[in-house]
Amino acid sequence: QPQLVESGGGLVQPGRSLRLSCVVSGTAFRFVTMDWYRQAPGTQRELVASISGGGNTNYADSVKDRFTISRDNAENTLYLQMNSLKPEDTAVYYCHSRLGYWGQGTQVTVSS
């Protein structure tokens, strides 16, 4: 059974950093494009960043130059390094496999 388990969220002050992880099991990972989405209260889920099996990346304009998506295919793990965090980055962050699977989400709160 496919499982995507996120971790690394929390409460952080503006300007600080967090690193999210997503461990994938029970489904293919190495050649599958993976995404990070986020959803703030009262808003639609939005695509934050994507990475192909070959390592090509894409970012939402709102996080470009601040966030970095990466993957470790040997460990079936997806990462999102988030730097220079802003209050508007506050949301639940979800890991997504293009095979159609979602993680349970991890809360990121940016506040002083």
N, C-alpha and C. Protein backbone atom coordinates (compact mmCIF):
# COMPACT_ATOMS: atom_id res chain seq x y z
N GLN A 1 0.84 -1.19 0.00
CA GLN A 1 0.00 0.00 0.00
C GLN A 1 0.88 1.25 0.00
N PRO A 2 0.63 2.15 -0.94
CA PRO A 2 1.46 3.36 -1.02
C PRO A 2 1.35 4.22 0.23
N GLN A 3 2.48 4.73 0.67
CA GLN A 3 2.51 5.64 1.81
C GLN A 3 3.48 6.78 1.50
N LEU A 4 3.03 8.00 1.76
CA LEU A 4 3.87 9.18 1.67
C LEU A 4 3.78 9.86 3.03
N VAL A 5 4.90 9.94 3.73
CA VAL A 5 4.89 10.44 5.10
C VAL A 5 5.79 11.67 5.19
N GLU A 6 5.14 12.82 5.42
CA GLU A 6 5.88 14.07 5.54
C GLU A 6 6.32 14.31 6.98
N SER A 7 7.39 15.07 7.12
CA SER A 7 7.85 15.51 8.43
C SER A 7 8.65 16.80 8.25
N GLY A 8 8.93 17.46 9.38
CA GLY A 8 9.78 18.63 9.34
C GLY A 8 9.07 19.96 9.50
N GLY A 9 7.75 19.94 9.55
CA GLY A 9 7.02 21.18 9.74
C GLY A 9 7.15 21.69 11.17
N GLY A 10 6.62 22.89 11.40
CA GLY A 10 6.65 23.47 12.73
C GLY A 10 6.42 24.95 12.70
N LEU A 11 6.68 25.57 13.86
CA LEU A 11 6.54 27.01 14.03
C LEU A 11 7.92 27.65 13.91
N VAL A 12 8.02 28.66 13.07
CA VAL A 12 9.32 29.31 12.84
C VAL A 12 9.11 30.80 12.65
N GLN A 13 10.10 31.58 13.04
CA GLN A 13 10.01 33.03 12.88
C GLN A 13 10.29 33.44 11.44
N PRO A 14 9.74 34.56 11.01
CA PRO A 14 10.03 35.05 9.66
C PRO A 14 11.54 35.19 9.44
N GLY A 15 11.96 34.82 8.23
CA GLY A 15 13.37 34.89 7.88
C GLY A 15 14.16 33.63 8.17
N ARG A 16 13.57 32.73 8.94
CA ARG A 16 14.26 31.48 9.28
C ARG A 16 13.99 30.42 8.22
N SER A 17 14.54 29.21 8.48
CA SER A 17 14.47 28.13 7.51
C SER A 17 13.84 26.88 8.11
N LEU A 18 13.28 26.05 7.24
CA LEU A 18 12.80 24.72 7.59
C LEU A 18 13.10 23.78 6.44
N ARG A 19 13.25 22.51 6.76
CA ARG A 19 13.43 21.49 5.73
C ARG A 19 12.38 20.41 5.92
N LEU A 20 11.54 20.25 4.91
CA LEU A 20 10.52 19.21 4.92
C LEU A 20 11.06 17.95 4.25
N SER A 21 10.60 16.80 4.75
CA SER A 21 10.95 15.52 4.15
C SER A 21 9.68 14.74 3.86
N CYS A 22 9.75 13.88 2.87
CA CYS A 22 8.64 13.00 2.53
C CYS A 22 9.22 11.64 2.16
N VAL A 23 8.96 10.66 3.00
CA VAL A 23 9.44 9.30 2.73
C VAL A 23 8.34 8.53 2.01
N VAL A 24 8.69 7.94 0.89
CA VAL A 24 7.73 7.24 0.03
C VAL A 24 7.97 5.74 0.10
N SER A 25 6.91 4.99 0.29
CA SER A 25 7.01 3.53 0.30
C SER A 25 5.79 2.92 -0.37
N GLY A 26 5.94 1.67 -0.82
CA GLY A 26 4.81 0.96 -1.39
C GLY A 26 4.43 1.37 -2.79
N THR A 27 5.26 2.20 -3.42
CA THR A 27 4.98 2.64 -4.78
C THR A 27 6.29 3.07 -5.41
N ALA A 28 6.28 3.17 -6.74
CA ALA A 28 7.48 3.59 -7.45
C ALA A 28 7.88 5.00 -7.06
N PHE A 29 9.18 5.27 -7.07
CA PHE A 29 9.65 6.62 -6.72
C PHE A 29 10.68 7.12 -7.72
N ARG A 30 11.68 6.29 -8.04
CA ARG A 30 12.88 6.74 -8.75
C ARG A 30 12.58 7.51 -10.03
N PHE A 31 11.65 7.06 -10.82
CA PHE A 31 11.42 7.68 -12.12
C PHE A 31 10.14 8.51 -12.17
N VAL A 32 9.59 8.77 -10.99
CA VAL A 32 8.30 9.46 -10.91
C VAL A 32 8.49 10.92 -10.54
N THR A 33 7.82 11.80 -11.26
CA THR A 33 7.83 13.21 -10.88
C THR A 33 7.07 13.39 -9.56
N MET A 34 7.68 14.18 -8.67
CA MET A 34 7.12 14.42 -7.35
C MET A 34 6.89 15.92 -7.16
N ASP A 35 5.93 16.23 -6.33
CA ASP A 35 5.55 17.63 -6.10
C ASP A 35 5.43 17.91 -4.60
N TRP A 36 5.59 19.18 -4.28
CA TRP A 36 5.14 19.73 -2.99
C TRP A 36 4.01 20.70 -3.29
N TYR A 37 2.90 20.52 -2.60
CA TYR A 37 1.78 21.45 -2.63
C TYR A 37 1.63 22.06 -1.24
N ARG A 38 0.86 23.15 -1.18
CA ARG A 38 0.50 23.71 0.11
C ARG A 38 -0.91 24.26 0.06
N GLN A 39 -1.53 24.30 1.24
CA GLN A 39 -2.89 24.83 1.34
C GLN A 39 -3.02 25.62 2.62
N ALA A 40 -3.31 26.90 2.47
CA ALA A 40 -3.58 27.76 3.61
C ALA A 40 -5.08 27.76 3.88
N PRO A 41 -5.50 28.09 5.11
CA PRO A 41 -6.94 28.09 5.43
C PRO A 41 -7.73 28.98 4.47
N GLY A 42 -8.82 28.44 3.95
CA GLY A 42 -9.69 29.22 3.08
C GLY A 42 -9.20 29.39 1.67
N THR A 43 -8.14 28.68 1.30
CA THR A 43 -7.61 28.80 -0.05
C THR A 43 -7.54 27.43 -0.71
N GLN A 44 -7.32 27.45 -2.04
CA GLN A 44 -7.15 26.19 -2.76
C GLN A 44 -5.72 25.68 -2.59
N ARG A 45 -5.59 24.39 -2.71
CA ARG A 45 -4.26 23.79 -2.68
C ARG A 45 -3.48 24.28 -3.89
N GLU A 46 -2.24 24.71 -3.66
CA GLU A 46 -1.43 25.24 -4.75
C GLU A 46 -0.13 24.47 -4.88
N LEU A 47 0.34 24.36 -6.12
CA LEU A 47 1.60 23.69 -6.41
C LEU A 47 2.75 24.62 -6.06
N VAL A 48 3.67 24.12 -5.25
CA VAL A 48 4.81 24.90 -4.80
C VAL A 48 6.05 24.60 -5.64
N ALA A 49 6.34 23.31 -5.82
CA ALA A 49 7.55 22.91 -6.54
C ALA A 49 7.40 21.48 -7.05
N SER A 50 8.10 21.18 -8.15
CA SER A 50 8.09 19.85 -8.74
C SER A 50 9.50 19.44 -9.09
N ILE A 51 9.71 18.12 -9.09
CA ILE A 51 11.00 17.59 -9.51
C ILE A 51 10.76 16.29 -10.27
N SER A 52 11.37 16.19 -11.45
CA SER A 52 11.21 14.98 -12.26
C SER A 52 12.14 13.88 -11.73
N GLY A 53 11.96 12.69 -12.28
CA GLY A 53 12.84 11.60 -11.89
C GLY A 53 14.29 11.89 -12.22
N GLY A 54 14.50 12.69 -13.26
CA GLY A 54 15.86 13.05 -13.67
C GLY A 54 16.41 14.28 -12.98
N GLY A 55 15.60 14.89 -12.13
CA GLY A 55 16.08 16.02 -11.33
C GLY A 55 15.74 17.40 -11.86
N ASN A 56 14.95 17.48 -12.93
CA ASN A 56 14.52 18.80 -13.41
C ASN A 56 13.49 19.37 -12.45
N THR A 57 13.64 20.67 -12.16
CA THR A 57 12.79 21.30 -11.15
C THR A 57 12.00 22.47 -11.70
N ASN A 58 10.87 22.74 -11.07
CA ASN A 58 10.05 23.91 -11.36
C ASN A 58 9.50 24.44 -10.04
N TYR A 59 9.32 25.77 -10.00
CA TYR A 59 8.86 26.42 -8.77
C TYR A 59 7.76 27.43 -9.07
N ALA A 60 6.88 27.60 -8.09
CA ALA A 60 5.94 28.70 -8.14
C ALA A 60 6.72 30.01 -8.01
N ASP A 61 6.22 31.05 -8.65
CA ASP A 61 6.92 32.34 -8.60
C ASP A 61 7.08 32.82 -7.16
N SER A 62 6.11 32.51 -6.31
CA SER A 62 6.11 33.02 -4.94
C SER A 62 7.22 32.42 -4.09
N VAL A 63 7.81 31.29 -4.52
CA VAL A 63 8.86 30.65 -3.71
C VAL A 63 10.19 30.56 -4.43
N LYS A 64 10.20 30.98 -5.68
CA LYS A 64 11.44 30.90 -6.47
C LYS A 64 12.54 31.66 -5.76
N ASP A 65 13.73 31.11 -5.74
CA ASP A 65 14.93 31.69 -5.12
C ASP A 65 14.92 31.59 -3.60
N ARG A 66 13.85 31.03 -3.01
CA ARG A 66 13.82 30.82 -1.56
C ARG A 66 13.72 29.34 -1.20
N PHE A 67 12.98 28.59 -2.00
CA PHE A 67 12.76 27.17 -1.74
C PHE A 67 13.55 26.32 -2.72
N THR A 68 13.99 25.15 -2.27
CA THR A 68 14.69 24.20 -3.13
C THR A 68 14.11 22.81 -2.95
N ILE A 69 13.64 22.21 -4.03
CA ILE A 69 13.14 20.85 -4.00
C ILE A 69 14.27 19.92 -4.43
N SER A 70 14.36 18.77 -3.75
CA SER A 70 15.38 17.79 -4.11
C SER A 70 14.87 16.40 -3.77
N ARG A 71 15.61 15.41 -4.21
CA ARG A 71 15.20 14.03 -3.94
C ARG A 71 16.42 13.14 -3.76
N ASP A 72 16.24 12.10 -2.96
CA ASP A 72 17.25 11.07 -2.79
C ASP A 72 16.61 9.76 -3.25
N ASN A 73 16.93 9.37 -4.45
CA ASN A 73 16.28 8.19 -5.01
C ASN A 73 16.71 6.89 -4.30
N ALA A 74 17.89 6.90 -3.69
CA ALA A 74 18.33 5.72 -2.96
C ALA A 74 17.53 5.53 -1.68
N GLU A 75 17.04 6.65 -1.13
CA GLU A 75 16.29 6.60 0.13
C GLU A 75 14.79 6.81 -0.06
N ASN A 76 14.36 6.91 -1.34
CA ASN A 76 12.93 7.16 -1.63
C ASN A 76 12.39 8.35 -0.83
N THR A 77 13.16 9.41 -0.81
CA THR A 77 12.80 10.56 -0.01
C THR A 77 12.83 11.84 -0.83
N LEU A 78 11.81 12.65 -0.64
CA LEU A 78 11.66 13.95 -1.27
C LEU A 78 11.88 15.02 -0.21
N TYR A 79 12.54 16.12 -0.60
CA TYR A 79 12.83 17.20 0.34
C TYR A 79 12.32 18.54 -0.19
N LEU A 80 12.08 19.45 0.74
CA LEU A 80 11.82 20.84 0.39
C LEU A 80 12.56 21.70 1.41
N GLN A 81 13.64 22.34 0.96
CA GLN A 81 14.37 23.29 1.79
C GLN A 81 13.73 24.65 1.62
N MET A 82 13.28 25.21 2.72
CA MET A 82 12.58 26.50 2.68
C MET A 82 13.39 27.52 3.46
N ASN A 83 13.89 28.53 2.76
CA ASN A 83 14.67 29.59 3.37
C ASN A 83 13.91 30.91 3.32
N SER A 84 14.36 31.86 4.12
CA SER A 84 13.75 33.20 4.14
C SER A 84 12.23 33.12 4.23
N LEU A 85 11.76 32.34 5.16
CA LEU A 85 10.32 32.10 5.27
C LEU A 85 9.56 33.38 5.62
N LYS A 86 8.36 33.48 5.07
CA LYS A 86 7.49 34.64 5.27
C LYS A 86 6.17 34.17 5.91
N PRO A 87 5.46 35.06 6.58
CA PRO A 87 4.16 34.67 7.15
C PRO A 87 3.21 34.09 6.10
N GLU A 88 3.30 34.58 4.88
CA GLU A 88 2.40 34.07 3.83
C GLU A 88 2.76 32.65 3.37
N ASP A 89 3.87 32.11 3.86
CA ASP A 89 4.20 30.71 3.58
C ASP A 89 3.48 29.76 4.53
N THR A 90 2.77 30.30 5.51
CA THR A 90 2.04 29.47 6.47
C THR A 90 0.97 28.66 5.75
N ALA A 91 1.03 27.34 5.92
CA ALA A 91 0.11 26.44 5.24
C ALA A 91 0.39 25.02 5.70
N VAL A 92 -0.50 24.12 5.30
CA VAL A 92 -0.19 22.69 5.38
C VAL A 92 0.50 22.30 4.08
N TYR A 93 1.64 21.66 4.19
CA TYR A 93 2.43 21.26 3.02
C TYR A 93 2.24 19.76 2.78
N TYR A 94 1.97 19.44 1.51
CA TYR A 94 1.68 18.07 1.12
C TYR A 94 2.69 17.57 0.09
N CYS A 95 3.08 16.35 0.24
CA CYS A 95 3.89 15.63 -0.73
C CYS A 95 2.95 14.92 -1.70
N HIS A 96 3.28 14.93 -2.98
CA HIS A 96 2.41 14.34 -4.00
C HIS A 96 3.23 13.58 -5.02
N SER A 97 2.77 12.37 -5.32
CA SER A 97 3.34 11.57 -6.40
C SER A 97 2.46 11.70 -7.64
N ARG A 98 3.06 11.88 -8.79
CA ARG A 98 2.29 11.97 -10.04
C ARG A 98 1.59 10.67 -10.39
N LEU A 99 1.86 9.62 -9.60
CA LEU A 99 1.07 8.40 -9.75
C LEU A 99 -0.28 8.54 -9.06
N GLY A 100 -0.48 9.67 -8.35
CA GLY A 100 -1.79 9.95 -7.78
C GLY A 100 -1.90 9.79 -6.29
N TYR A 101 -0.77 9.81 -5.60
CA TYR A 101 -0.81 9.59 -4.16
C TYR A 101 -0.41 10.87 -3.41
N TRP A 102 -1.03 11.02 -2.22
CA TRP A 102 -0.79 12.20 -1.38
C TRP A 102 -0.33 11.77 0.00
N GLY A 103 0.50 12.61 0.62
CA GLY A 103 0.80 12.46 2.02
C GLY A 103 -0.29 13.08 2.86
N GLN A 104 -0.12 12.98 4.19
CA GLN A 104 -1.14 13.48 5.11
C GLN A 104 -0.96 14.96 5.40
N GLY A 105 0.19 15.51 5.04
CA GLY A 105 0.45 16.93 5.24
C GLY A 105 1.21 17.21 6.52
N THR A 106 1.96 18.30 6.49
CA THR A 106 2.68 18.78 7.67
C THR A 106 2.49 20.29 7.77
N GLN A 107 2.18 20.76 8.96
CA GLN A 107 1.87 22.18 9.17
C GLN A 107 3.14 23.01 9.27
N VAL A 108 3.19 24.08 8.52
CA VAL A 108 4.25 25.07 8.62
C VAL A 108 3.61 26.40 9.01
N THR A 109 4.06 26.95 10.13
CA THR A 109 3.56 28.23 10.60
C THR A 109 4.72 29.20 10.74
N VAL A 110 4.62 30.32 10.05
CA VAL A 110 5.67 31.35 10.10
C VAL A 110 5.09 32.55 10.81
N SER A 111 5.61 32.81 12.01
CA SER A 111 5.07 33.88 12.83
C SER A 111 6.09 34.32 13.86
N SER A 112 6.04 35.60 14.17
CA SER A 112 6.93 36.12 15.21
C SER A 112 6.25 36.07 16.57
